[in-house]
Protein backbone atom coordinates (compact mmCIF):
# COMPACT_ATOMS: atom_id res chain seq x y z
CA MET A 1 0.00 0.00 0.00
CA ALA A 2 1.32 3.46 -1.00
CA GLU A 3 2.43 5.69 1.83
CA VAL A 4 0.31 8.80 2.43
CA LYS A 5 2.44 11.92 2.73
CA PRO A 6 0.51 14.56 4.72
CA ALA A 7 2.95 17.32 3.67
CA GLU A 8 2.22 16.69 -0.02
CA ILE A 9 -1.54 16.65 0.53
CA SER A 10 -1.47 19.90 2.50
CA ALA A 11 0.71 21.52 -0.21
CA ILE A 12 -1.78 20.51 -2.94
CA LEU A 13 -4.73 21.77 -0.87
CA LYS A 14 -2.95 25.08 -0.16
CA GLN A 15 -2.22 25.51 -3.88
CA GLN A 16 -5.85 24.87 -4.81
CA LEU A 17 -7.17 27.15 -2.09
CA SER A 18 -4.82 29.97 -3.09
CA GLY A 19 -6.47 30.05 -6.53
CA PHE A 20 -9.99 30.12 -5.08
CA GLU A 21 -11.99 33.32 -5.61
CA ALA A 22 -14.91 33.98 -3.32
CA GLY A 23 -16.73 36.11 -5.94
CA ALA A 24 -19.40 34.37 -8.00
CA SER A 25 -20.63 35.54 -11.40
CA LEU A 26 -24.25 36.52 -11.10
CA ASP A 27 -26.58 36.57 -14.10
CA GLU A 28 -30.04 38.02 -13.82
CA VAL A 29 -32.34 35.43 -15.38
CA GLY A 30 -36.05 35.20 -15.96
CA THR A 31 -38.57 32.63 -17.13
CA VAL A 32 -40.54 32.67 -20.38
CA LEU A 33 -44.29 32.87 -19.67
CA THR A 34 -45.67 32.96 -23.22
CA VAL A 35 -44.23 33.00 -26.73
CA GLY A 36 -45.97 33.60 -30.05
CA ASP A 37 -45.89 35.85 -33.15
CA GLY A 38 -42.30 36.84 -32.39
CA ILE A 39 -43.25 38.26 -28.97
CA VAL A 40 -42.08 36.77 -25.66
CA ARG A 41 -43.43 37.64 -22.21
CA ALA A 42 -40.94 36.83 -19.46
CA TYR A 43 -41.11 36.97 -15.66
CA GLY A 44 -38.20 37.76 -13.33
CA LEU A 45 -36.17 40.39 -15.23
CA ALA A 46 -37.04 43.10 -12.71
CA ASN A 47 -34.04 45.31 -13.55
CA ALA A 48 -34.14 45.02 -17.35
CA GLN A 49 -33.91 48.35 -19.18
CA TYR A 50 -35.85 49.50 -22.25
CA GLY A 51 -34.07 48.51 -25.47
CA GLU A 52 -31.76 46.02 -23.71
CA LEU A 53 -30.58 42.90 -25.54
CA VAL A 54 -31.51 39.60 -23.85
CA GLU A 55 -30.40 36.02 -24.59
CA PHE A 56 -32.51 32.86 -24.50
CA GLU A 57 -31.09 29.45 -23.58
CA GLY A 58 -31.28 28.22 -27.21
CA GLY A 59 -29.05 31.11 -28.36
CA ALA A 60 -31.88 33.29 -29.72
CA GLU A 61 -31.75 37.03 -28.98
CA GLY A 62 -34.42 39.60 -28.28
CA ILE A 63 -34.90 43.25 -27.35
CA VAL A 64 -36.91 44.43 -24.33
CA LEU A 65 -39.66 46.78 -25.54
CA ASN A 66 -42.34 46.63 -22.82
CA LEU A 67 -41.69 47.03 -19.09
CA GLU A 68 -44.78 46.06 -17.11
CA GLU A 69 -45.46 45.53 -13.40
CA ASP A 70 -44.96 41.77 -13.28
CA ASN A 71 -43.42 40.90 -16.67
CA VAL A 72 -41.44 42.27 -19.62
CA GLY A 73 -42.41 42.18 -23.30
CA ILE A 74 -39.51 41.06 -25.50
CA VAL A 75 -39.46 41.18 -29.28
CA LEU A 76 -37.49 38.30 -30.86
CA LEU A 77 -34.74 38.98 -33.37
CA GLY A 78 -34.89 36.01 -35.68
CA THR A 79 -36.50 32.64 -35.20
CA SER A 80 -38.41 31.51 -32.10
CA VAL A 81 -37.10 27.93 -32.42
CA GLY A 82 -35.89 26.74 -29.00
CA VAL A 83 -37.80 29.45 -27.12
CA LYS A 84 -40.68 27.85 -25.23
CA GLU A 85 -42.72 28.34 -22.08
CA GLY A 86 -40.57 27.77 -18.99
CA SER A 87 -37.20 28.27 -20.73
CA THR A 88 -34.76 30.77 -19.20
CA VAL A 89 -33.90 34.22 -20.52
CA LYS A 90 -30.79 36.13 -19.42
CA ARG A 91 -29.97 39.85 -19.33
CA THR A 92 -26.86 40.98 -21.26
CA GLU A 93 -26.83 44.44 -19.63
CA ARG A 94 -26.08 46.10 -22.98
CA ILE A 95 -28.12 47.84 -25.65
CA ALA A 96 -28.37 46.10 -29.04
CA SER A 97 -25.31 46.94 -31.16
CA VAL A 98 -23.75 46.05 -34.50
CA LYS A 99 -20.07 45.49 -35.36
CA VAL A 100 -18.91 47.97 -38.02
CA GLY A 101 -15.53 48.43 -39.71
CA GLU A 102 -13.92 49.08 -43.09
CA GLY A 103 -14.59 45.42 -43.96
CA ILE A 104 -18.37 45.98 -44.05
CA VAL A 105 -18.07 47.93 -47.33
CA GLY A 106 -19.10 45.84 -50.32
CA ARG A 107 -21.08 43.36 -48.19
CA VAL A 108 -24.74 42.39 -47.76
CA VAL A 109 -25.67 42.07 -44.07
CA ASP A 110 -28.80 41.43 -42.02
CA THR A 111 -30.26 43.57 -39.22
CA LEU A 112 -27.76 42.15 -36.69
CA GLY A 113 -24.78 42.91 -38.97
CA ASN A 114 -24.22 39.25 -39.91
CA PRO A 115 -23.12 38.79 -43.54
CA ILE A 116 -25.70 37.02 -45.74
CA ASP A 117 -23.89 37.20 -49.09
CA GLY A 118 -21.91 33.95 -48.71
CA LYS A 119 -18.53 35.72 -48.81
CA GLY A 120 -17.45 34.65 -45.33
CA PRO A 121 -17.14 36.72 -42.14
CA ILE A 122 -16.46 40.48 -42.14
CA THR A 123 -12.70 41.02 -42.08
CA GLY A 124 -10.53 43.63 -40.37
CA GLU A 125 -11.00 45.58 -37.16
CA THR A 126 -14.60 46.22 -36.10
CA TYR A 127 -16.18 48.65 -33.64
CA GLU A 128 -19.37 48.19 -31.62
CA MET A 129 -21.90 50.79 -32.79
CA PRO A 130 -25.21 51.00 -30.87
CA VAL A 131 -28.24 50.35 -33.08
CA GLU A 132 -30.23 53.05 -31.25
CA ARG A 133 -28.32 56.25 -30.62
CA LYS A 134 -29.15 59.88 -29.86
CA ALA A 135 -28.73 62.28 -32.77
CA PRO A 136 -25.81 64.76 -32.58
CA GLY A 137 -26.63 67.91 -30.59
CA VAL A 138 -26.96 71.35 -32.19
CA ILE A 139 -23.39 72.44 -31.33
CA TYR A 140 -21.90 69.45 -33.17
CA ARG A 141 -23.67 70.30 -36.43
CA GLU A 142 -22.93 72.60 -39.34
CA PRO A 143 -25.17 74.03 -42.10
CA VAL A 144 -25.37 72.04 -45.35
CA THR A 145 -22.98 73.65 -47.86
CA GLU A 146 -21.56 70.86 -50.06
CA PRO A 147 -23.56 69.34 -52.92
CA LEU A 148 -24.33 65.63 -53.15
CA GLN A 149 -24.50 65.05 -56.91
CA THR A 150 -27.25 62.57 -57.78
CA GLY A 151 -26.44 62.43 -61.50
CA ILE A 152 -30.13 63.06 -62.26
CA LYS A 153 -30.61 66.31 -64.21
CA ALA A 154 -34.04 67.21 -62.83
CA ILE A 155 -32.86 66.79 -59.22
CA ASP A 156 -29.42 68.43 -59.44
CA ALA A 157 -30.89 71.41 -61.33
CA MET A 158 -34.18 72.06 -59.55
CA ILE A 159 -34.27 70.09 -56.27
CA PRO A 160 -30.58 69.95 -55.28
CA VAL A 161 -29.48 67.71 -52.40
CA GLY A 162 -26.64 68.72 -50.07
CA ARG A 163 -24.36 66.53 -47.95
CA GLY A 164 -26.00 66.07 -44.55
CA GLN A 165 -29.52 66.73 -45.84
CA ARG A 166 -32.60 64.48 -45.47
CA GLU A 167 -34.52 64.48 -48.77
CA LEU A 168 -37.66 62.36 -48.98
CA VAL A 169 -38.42 60.40 -52.17
CA ILE A 170 -42.18 59.89 -52.26
CA GLY A 171 -44.62 58.43 -54.78
CA ASP A 172 -46.96 55.57 -55.63
CA ARG A 173 -45.68 52.05 -56.24
CA GLN A 174 -43.87 51.51 -59.54
CA THR A 175 -43.04 55.18 -60.18
CA GLY A 176 -39.25 54.81 -60.07
CA LYS A 177 -38.44 55.71 -56.44
CA THR A 178 -35.80 53.00 -55.98
CA THR A 179 -34.34 53.77 -59.43
CA VAL A 180 -33.73 57.42 -58.46
CA CYS A 181 -31.87 56.29 -55.34
CA ILE A 182 -29.85 53.52 -57.03
CA ASP A 183 -28.82 56.01 -59.77
CA THR A 184 -27.60 58.33 -57.01
CA ILE A 185 -25.40 55.51 -55.64
CA LEU A 186 -24.07 54.76 -59.15
CA ASN A 187 -23.20 58.44 -59.62
CA GLN A 188 -20.87 58.35 -56.59
CA LYS A 189 -18.50 56.12 -58.63
CA GLU A 190 -16.94 59.30 -60.06
CA PHE A 191 -15.93 60.42 -56.54
CA TYR A 192 -14.76 56.91 -55.57
CA ASP A 193 -12.49 56.82 -58.64
CA ALA A 194 -11.14 60.27 -57.71
CA GLY A 195 -10.16 58.95 -54.25
CA GLU A 196 -12.91 60.90 -52.40
CA PRO A 197 -15.55 58.20 -51.88
CA VAL A 198 -19.04 58.85 -50.59
CA TYR A 199 -19.81 55.62 -48.70
CA CYS A 200 -23.32 54.40 -49.53
CA ILE A 201 -25.66 52.26 -47.42
CA TYR A 202 -28.78 50.80 -49.02
CA VAL A 203 -31.36 49.54 -46.50
CA ALA A 204 -33.99 47.20 -47.97
CA VAL A 205 -37.02 46.80 -45.69
CA GLY A 206 -39.70 44.20 -46.39
CA GLN A 207 -38.68 43.64 -50.01
CA LYS A 208 -38.53 40.40 -51.97
CA ALA A 209 -35.14 38.70 -51.67
CA SER A 210 -34.99 38.53 -55.50
CA THR A 211 -35.32 42.35 -55.72
CA VAL A 212 -32.44 42.85 -53.28
CA ALA A 213 -30.34 40.31 -55.21
CA ASN A 214 -31.01 42.23 -58.45
CA ILE A 215 -29.95 45.52 -56.86
CA ALA A 216 -26.75 43.92 -55.50
CA LYS A 217 -26.05 42.52 -58.99
CA THR A 218 -26.58 45.94 -60.65
CA LEU A 219 -24.25 47.64 -58.16
CA GLU A 220 -21.59 44.94 -58.56
CA GLU A 221 -21.69 45.03 -62.37
CA ARG A 222 -21.18 48.79 -62.38
CA GLY A 223 -18.41 48.78 -59.79
CA ALA A 224 -20.56 50.55 -57.20
CA LEU A 225 -20.50 47.75 -54.61
CA ALA A 226 -16.89 48.75 -53.86
CA TYR A 227 -18.22 51.68 -51.76
CA THR A 228 -21.69 50.37 -50.85
CA THR A 229 -23.12 48.25 -48.01
CA ILE A 230 -26.56 46.63 -48.29
CA VAL A 231 -28.62 45.99 -45.14
CA ALA A 232 -31.48 43.61 -45.93
CA ALA A 233 -34.54 42.70 -43.85
CA ASN A 234 -36.59 40.79 -46.41
CA ALA A 235 -40.36 40.29 -46.48
CA SER A 236 -39.86 36.81 -44.97
CA ASP A 237 -37.93 38.14 -41.96
CA PRO A 238 -39.72 38.77 -38.62
CA ALA A 239 -41.32 42.20 -38.15
CA ALA A 240 -38.74 43.15 -35.49
CA MET A 241 -35.89 42.67 -37.98
CA GLN A 242 -37.69 45.01 -40.40
CA VAL A 243 -38.16 47.65 -37.67
CA TYR A 244 -34.49 47.65 -36.68
CA ALA A 245 -32.91 47.34 -40.17
CA PRO A 246 -32.96 51.14 -40.87
CA MET A 247 -31.37 51.75 -37.45
CA THR A 248 -28.60 49.26 -38.25
CA GLY A 249 -28.04 51.09 -41.53
CA ALA A 250 -27.86 54.42 -39.67
CA SER A 251 -25.24 52.94 -37.29
CA ILE A 252 -23.07 51.90 -40.26
CA GLY A 253 -23.50 55.39 -41.75
CA GLU A 254 -22.56 56.99 -38.41
CA TYR A 255 -19.27 55.06 -38.40
CA PHE A 256 -18.24 56.84 -41.63
CA ARG A 257 -19.78 60.16 -40.56
CA ASP A 258 -17.99 60.22 -37.20
CA THR A 259 -14.63 59.32 -38.76
CA GLY A 260 -14.84 62.48 -40.91
CA ARG A 261 -16.12 61.01 -44.18
CA PRO A 262 -19.25 61.62 -46.28
CA ALA A 263 -21.89 58.87 -46.35
CA LEU A 264 -25.25 58.42 -48.06
CA ILE A 265 -28.03 56.20 -46.72
CA ILE A 266 -31.17 55.09 -48.54
CA TYR A 267 -34.12 53.70 -46.55
CA ASP A 268 -36.25 51.64 -48.95
CA ASP A 269 -38.80 52.09 -47.59
CA LEU A 270 -40.02 53.61 -44.32
CA SER A 271 -43.69 52.79 -45.06
CA LYS A 272 -42.88 49.10 -44.66
CA GLN A 273 -40.90 49.84 -41.49
CA ALA A 274 -43.95 51.66 -40.06
CA VAL A 275 -46.20 48.69 -40.94
CA ALA A 276 -43.77 46.29 -39.21
CA TYR A 277 -43.63 48.60 -36.17
CA ARG A 278 -47.44 48.69 -36.06
CA GLU A 279 -47.48 44.88 -36.09
CA VAL A 280 -44.98 44.65 -33.22
CA SER A 281 -46.80 47.35 -31.20
CA LEU A 282 -50.22 45.73 -31.58
CA LEU A 283 -48.79 42.34 -30.57
CA LEU A 284 -47.30 44.02 -27.49
CA ARG A 285 -50.84 45.30 -26.77
CA ARG A 286 -49.92 48.97 -27.05
CA PRO A 287 -52.97 51.17 -27.73
CA PRO A 288 -53.50 51.88 -31.45
CA GLY A 289 -53.87 55.43 -32.79
CA ARG A 290 -54.61 56.88 -36.24
CA GLU A 291 -54.70 54.18 -38.98
CA ALA A 292 -53.95 51.71 -36.10
CA TYR A 293 -50.34 52.95 -35.91
CA PRO A 294 -49.02 53.38 -32.34
CA GLY A 295 -48.77 56.87 -30.89
CA ASP A 296 -44.97 56.97 -31.15
CA VAL A 297 -44.64 56.15 -34.87
CA PHE A 298 -43.65 59.80 -35.49
CA TYR A 299 -40.86 59.43 -32.94
CA LEU A 300 -39.76 56.18 -34.62
CA HIS A 301 -39.01 58.10 -37.84
CA SER A 302 -37.85 61.39 -36.33
CA ARG A 303 -35.16 59.82 -34.14
CA LEU A 304 -33.94 57.77 -37.11
CA LEU A 305 -33.76 60.65 -39.60
CA GLU A 306 -32.25 63.12 -37.12
CA ARG A 307 -29.15 60.90 -37.05
CA SER A 308 -28.33 62.20 -40.54
CA ALA A 309 -26.34 65.41 -40.18
CA LYS A 310 -23.36 67.44 -41.31
CA ILE A 311 -20.84 67.33 -38.45
CA ILE A 312 -18.86 70.44 -37.49
CA ASN A 313 -15.46 70.66 -39.18
CA ASP A 314 -13.53 70.83 -35.91
CA ASP A 315 -11.93 67.66 -34.53
CA ALA A 316 -11.78 68.92 -30.92
CA ILE A 317 -15.52 69.69 -30.78
CA ALA A 318 -16.46 66.54 -32.75
CA LYS A 319 -14.62 64.36 -30.19
CA GLU A 320 -16.97 65.72 -27.49
CA MET A 321 -20.06 64.59 -29.44
CA ASN A 322 -22.88 63.10 -27.37
CA ASP A 323 -23.37 59.32 -27.30
CA LEU A 324 -20.08 58.45 -29.02
CA PRO A 325 -19.19 54.75 -28.63
CA GLU A 326 -16.05 54.40 -26.45
CA SER A 327 -14.25 52.18 -28.97
CA LEU A 328 -14.63 54.81 -31.71
CA LYS A 329 -13.44 57.87 -29.75
CA PRO A 330 -9.75 57.75 -30.82
CA MET A 331 -10.78 57.76 -34.52
CA VAL A 332 -13.32 60.61 -34.43
CA LYS A 333 -12.81 63.48 -36.89
CA GLY A 334 -14.97 66.48 -37.76
CA GLY A 335 -16.38 67.42 -41.15
CA GLY A 336 -18.16 64.11 -41.86
CA SER A 337 -21.73 63.92 -43.09
CA LEU A 338 -24.59 61.45 -43.38
CA THR A 339 -27.14 62.24 -46.11
CA ALA A 340 -30.47 60.39 -46.01
CA LEU A 341 -32.84 59.59 -48.87
CA PRO A 342 -35.83 57.96 -47.15
CA ILE A 343 -38.47 56.47 -49.47
CA ILE A 344 -42.21 56.54 -48.72
CA GLU A 345 -44.84 54.76 -50.79
CA THR A 346 -48.18 56.55 -51.16
CA GLN A 347 -51.58 55.06 -52.01
CA ALA A 348 -53.11 56.67 -55.13
CA GLY A 349 -50.97 59.79 -54.75
CA ASP A 350 -52.32 60.62 -51.28
CA VAL A 351 -49.50 62.59 -49.63
CA SER A 352 -51.83 63.68 -46.82
CA ALA A 353 -52.00 60.21 -45.23
CA TYR A 354 -50.51 59.71 -41.75
CA ILE A 355 -47.01 58.36 -42.49
CA PRO A 356 -46.31 60.56 -45.57
CA THR A 357 -47.21 63.79 -43.69
CA ASN A 358 -45.08 62.70 -40.72
CA VAL A 359 -41.99 62.08 -42.82
CA ILE A 360 -42.52 65.22 -44.97
CA SER A 361 -42.51 67.28 -41.76
CA ILE A 362 -39.28 65.63 -40.52
CA THR A 363 -37.25 65.90 -43.76
CA ASP A 364 -35.61 68.91 -45.47
CA GLY A 365 -37.65 68.57 -48.65
CA GLN A 366 -39.24 65.96 -50.89
CA ILE A 367 -38.96 64.63 -54.43
CA PHE A 368 -42.48 63.69 -55.53
CA LEU A 369 -42.76 61.05 -58.26
CA ASP A 370 -46.01 61.14 -60.22
CA GLY A 371 -47.66 58.01 -61.65
CA ASP A 372 -49.34 59.95 -64.49
CA LEU A 373 -46.03 61.48 -65.59
CA PHE A 374 -44.39 58.06 -65.40
CA ASN A 375 -47.08 56.48 -67.58
CA SER A 376 -46.84 59.30 -70.13
CA GLY A 377 -43.14 58.51 -70.63
CA VAL A 378 -41.58 61.32 -68.56
CA ARG A 379 -38.92 59.46 -66.58
CA PRO A 380 -37.71 60.16 -63.94
CA ALA A 381 -41.34 61.13 -63.24
CA ILE A 382 -40.55 64.07 -60.94
CA ASN A 383 -43.43 66.46 -60.32
CA VAL A 384 -41.45 69.70 -60.05
CA GLY A 385 -44.44 71.70 -58.82
CA ILE A 386 -44.69 70.03 -55.40
CA SER A 387 -41.07 68.85 -55.05
CA VAL A 388 -38.85 71.09 -52.93
CA SER A 389 -35.40 71.13 -51.37
CA ARG A 390 -35.38 73.36 -48.30
CA VAL A 391 -31.61 73.52 -47.76
CA GLY A 392 -30.04 72.11 -50.93
CA GLY A 393 -30.00 75.48 -52.73
CA ASN A 394 -27.12 76.58 -50.48
CA ALA A 395 -25.14 73.54 -51.58
CA GLN A 396 -25.61 73.88 -55.34
CA ILE A 397 -22.47 74.71 -57.32
CA LYS A 398 -22.51 78.29 -58.65
CA SER A 399 -22.50 77.43 -62.36
CA MET A 400 -25.53 75.12 -61.94
CA LYS A 401 -27.34 77.74 -59.85
CA LYS A 402 -26.91 80.37 -62.58
CA VAL A 403 -27.98 78.06 -65.38
CA SER A 404 -31.00 76.46 -63.70
CA GLY A 405 -32.26 79.55 -61.85
CA THR A 406 -35.40 80.02 -63.96
CA LEU A 407 -35.88 76.37 -64.99
CA LYS A 408 -38.28 75.43 -62.17
CA LEU A 409 -40.45 78.50 -62.77
CA ASP A 410 -40.41 77.97 -66.55
CA GLN A 411 -41.54 74.36 -66.16
CA ALA A 412 -44.30 75.28 -63.69
CA GLN A 413 -45.53 77.92 -66.17
CA PHE A 414 -45.36 75.38 -69.00
CA ARG A 415 -47.46 72.81 -67.08
CA GLU A 416 -50.12 75.47 -66.44
CA LEU A 417 -50.25 76.63 -70.07
CA GLU A 418 -50.08 73.08 -71.43
CA ALA A 419 -53.35 72.21 -69.69
CA PHE A 420 -54.88 75.46 -70.99
CA ALA A 421 -53.62 74.84 -74.56
CA LYS A 422 -55.59 71.58 -74.78
CA PHE A 423 -58.85 73.57 -74.94
CA GLY A 424 -58.06 76.03 -77.74
CA SER A 425 -55.66 76.19 -80.67
CA ASP A 426 -55.52 79.97 -81.20
CA LEU A 427 -52.66 80.90 -78.86
CA ASP A 428 -50.59 84.08 -79.01
CA ALA A 429 -46.89 83.96 -79.90
CA SER A 430 -45.53 84.35 -76.33
CA THR A 431 -47.70 81.49 -75.03
CA LEU A 432 -46.60 79.25 -77.91
CA ASN A 433 -43.01 80.19 -77.15
CA VAL A 434 -43.37 79.09 -73.49
CA ILE A 435 -45.03 75.80 -74.55
CA ASN A 436 -42.41 75.00 -77.20
CA LYS A 437 -39.53 75.75 -74.83
CA GLY A 438 -41.22 73.72 -72.07
CA LYS A 439 -41.66 70.68 -74.33
CA ARG A 440 -37.95 70.72 -75.19
CA ASN A 441 -36.97 71.12 -71.54
CA VAL A 442 -39.13 68.11 -70.62
CA GLU A 443 -37.20 66.09 -73.22
CA ILE A 444 -33.86 67.37 -71.86
CA LEU A 445 -34.79 66.35 -68.30
CA LYS A 446 -35.73 62.80 -69.35
CA GLN A 447 -33.11 60.23 -68.46
CA ALA A 448 -32.66 56.48 -68.89
CA GLN A 449 -32.40 54.14 -65.90
CA ASN A 450 -28.88 53.60 -64.49
CA ASP A 451 -27.49 56.42 -66.66
CA PRO A 452 -26.29 59.20 -64.33
CA TYR A 453 -24.80 62.37 -65.85
CA THR A 454 -21.70 64.20 -64.60
CA VAL A 455 -22.45 67.68 -63.27
CA GLU A 456 -20.61 69.44 -66.14
CA ASP A 457 -22.63 67.54 -68.78
CA GLN A 458 -25.83 68.46 -66.93
CA ILE A 459 -24.97 72.16 -66.81
CA ALA A 460 -24.06 72.21 -70.52
CA ILE A 461 -27.34 70.71 -71.74
CA ILE A 462 -29.53 72.60 -69.24
CA TYR A 463 -27.90 75.86 -70.37
CA ALA A 464 -28.88 75.06 -73.97
CA GLY A 465 -32.46 74.34 -72.87
CA SER A 466 -32.95 77.30 -70.53
CA LYS A 467 -31.54 79.80 -73.09
CA ASN A 468 -33.91 78.35 -75.73
CA LEU A 469 -31.03 77.37 -78.05
CA LEU A 470 -33.01 74.30 -79.12
CA ARG A 471 -36.01 76.17 -80.53
CA ASP A 472 -35.22 74.95 -84.08
CA VAL A 473 -34.73 71.30 -83.05
CA PRO A 474 -37.89 69.15 -83.45
CA VAL A 475 -39.09 67.79 -80.07
CA GLU A 476 -38.59 64.14 -81.12
CA LYS A 477 -34.94 64.87 -82.03
CA VAL A 478 -33.98 66.61 -78.75
CA LYS A 479 -32.50 63.44 -77.16
CA GLU A 480 -30.41 62.83 -80.30
CA PHE A 481 -29.20 66.44 -80.25
CA GLU A 482 -28.34 66.13 -76.55
CA ARG A 483 -26.19 63.05 -77.15
CA ASP A 484 -24.28 64.68 -80.04
CA TYR A 485 -23.88 67.97 -78.14
CA ILE A 486 -22.39 66.33 -75.02
CA GLU A 487 -20.16 63.99 -77.07
CA PHE A 488 -18.83 66.96 -79.09
CA LEU A 489 -18.12 69.05 -75.97
CA ASN A 490 -16.31 66.13 -74.29
CA ALA A 491 -14.21 65.49 -77.39
CA LYS A 492 -13.36 69.06 -78.46
CA HIS A 493 -14.02 71.37 -75.47
CA ARG A 494 -13.04 69.38 -72.37
CA ASP A 495 -11.50 72.54 -70.82
CA THR A 496 -14.89 74.29 -71.03
CA LEU A 497 -16.56 71.41 -69.16
CA ASP A 498 -13.79 71.44 -66.51
CA THR A 499 -14.45 75.17 -65.96
CA LEU A 500 -18.18 74.41 -65.47
CA LYS A 501 -17.31 71.62 -63.01
CA SER A 502 -15.26 74.07 -60.92
CA GLY A 503 -18.38 76.25 -60.55
CA LYS A 504 -17.43 79.08 -62.95
CA LEU A 505 -19.67 80.25 -65.80
CA THR A 506 -17.46 82.74 -67.67
CA ASP A 507 -18.33 84.66 -70.87
CA GLU A 508 -15.87 82.45 -72.73
CA VAL A 509 -17.68 79.30 -71.56
CA ILE A 510 -21.07 80.79 -72.52
CA ASP A 511 -19.75 81.66 -76.00
CA THR A 512 -18.45 78.10 -76.50
CA LEU A 513 -21.72 76.47 -75.37
CA THR A 514 -23.80 78.83 -77.54
CA SER A 515 -21.68 78.40 -80.69
CA VAL A 516 -21.56 74.57 -80.39
CA ALA A 517 -25.36 74.47 -79.89
CA LYS A 518 -25.94 76.76 -82.89
CA ASP A 519 -23.63 74.71 -85.12
CA LEU A 520 -25.40 71.47 -84.20
CA THR A 521 -28.99 72.78 -84.45
CA GLY A 522 -28.50 73.37 -88.19
CA LYS A 523 -28.17 69.61 -88.63
CA TYR A 524 -31.53 68.96 -86.93
CA ARG A 525 -33.55 71.88 -88.30
CA ALA A 526 -36.89 70.58 -89.54
């Protein structure tokens, strides 16, 4: 029998006891009472906070949205598989967040920031960005002064968008709302190639997966995915994922904004987010309001859209910004911006419904797309009469401002007279002049899908239209003239276009544009 050595035993016991820590790790856990329709009611999470992330024993996650006397209402993020009555739920003591870094560019992610494009995990260093975050305070903001070129003639000329602005795109279904926004992303390729990228985030809410796949394919084919991130909460995803997808997109945009870079975010569309939020709220038994939306649906959109801003161009002040994530603080720079293009779908052109009026009142202007114009072949179908940009005018480049100054008024006058002209044929010369010029301007402002124009090409052709240099060109030949005119200027007068791009409209430039237009009109004269 082996000899027992007390000294050895006491040494082993001492060693084990020396490593013993009296502290125990305490998790606050609760019990699931009911589960159904993506909503969980749990008992025992007395100290849970609103918006906190919680974990279920099967690995599922949820967000606390209702705090009641004896239970909490939790909305599930993802599937409810493994969550059943009696299972445990644990507090994480942190607000829902998403991991963002340079590696997220060019990827398709879900609401939780997980990649869904089959290209493996997101690479490089990532930073925790809260999904819900307070908008920057007044002292951290700056007025909108830089243009965000959309590449769409009608918008850049008459309803300009500035960096840091919120411009609503509103219209019935199938009027080209998404196309306007995708064209804006494609137009940023010029800045990406010049080494000054505008990082784009496209948030798809409640859309068919095939539609999102088509958009990703279009962006990839045209080299635009290199500076774009897609956040997708498809129609088949739970309502909670659709509610939080725009907020995840805003968090990704804030990463670029707070590190001193320009970003553009497209919410496609906030009507579907509001419907998903209504579903979640009704399931949580919150009292319904107008159109059965909950009372705080205005706050849902206002707190999201207020996160888009132009940040003050001062690093020291920007570093003091409210609600900055700790991990991001060393990288913060001033001068960044987040521009938002939210999309709202109307029913039969009714812009006075609940959600459209809410979002119109939050944003800095709206681009209204008209179904009748679209069906008559005017595309993009922008109704210039009720579209406005409340702050973009300050951001327009000087040469464009000079050239397009009277365009909006001219077109409004033309629309009025056009309706009047349908009744009688005996019109005086000045009225005919306005109608003829208006018809040619309508042709000039037409544009094919996925065909953005550079700002200098836009200014050149709009100058020709607004100065009535096309009066001798038949209306059906205007598009042909436009193509030849721009090709000729690019081939023979590149210096003139460069001057326009820099914002100058000199007498020399005007002479060149006028003489080229006059030379070419002879070829098209009827």
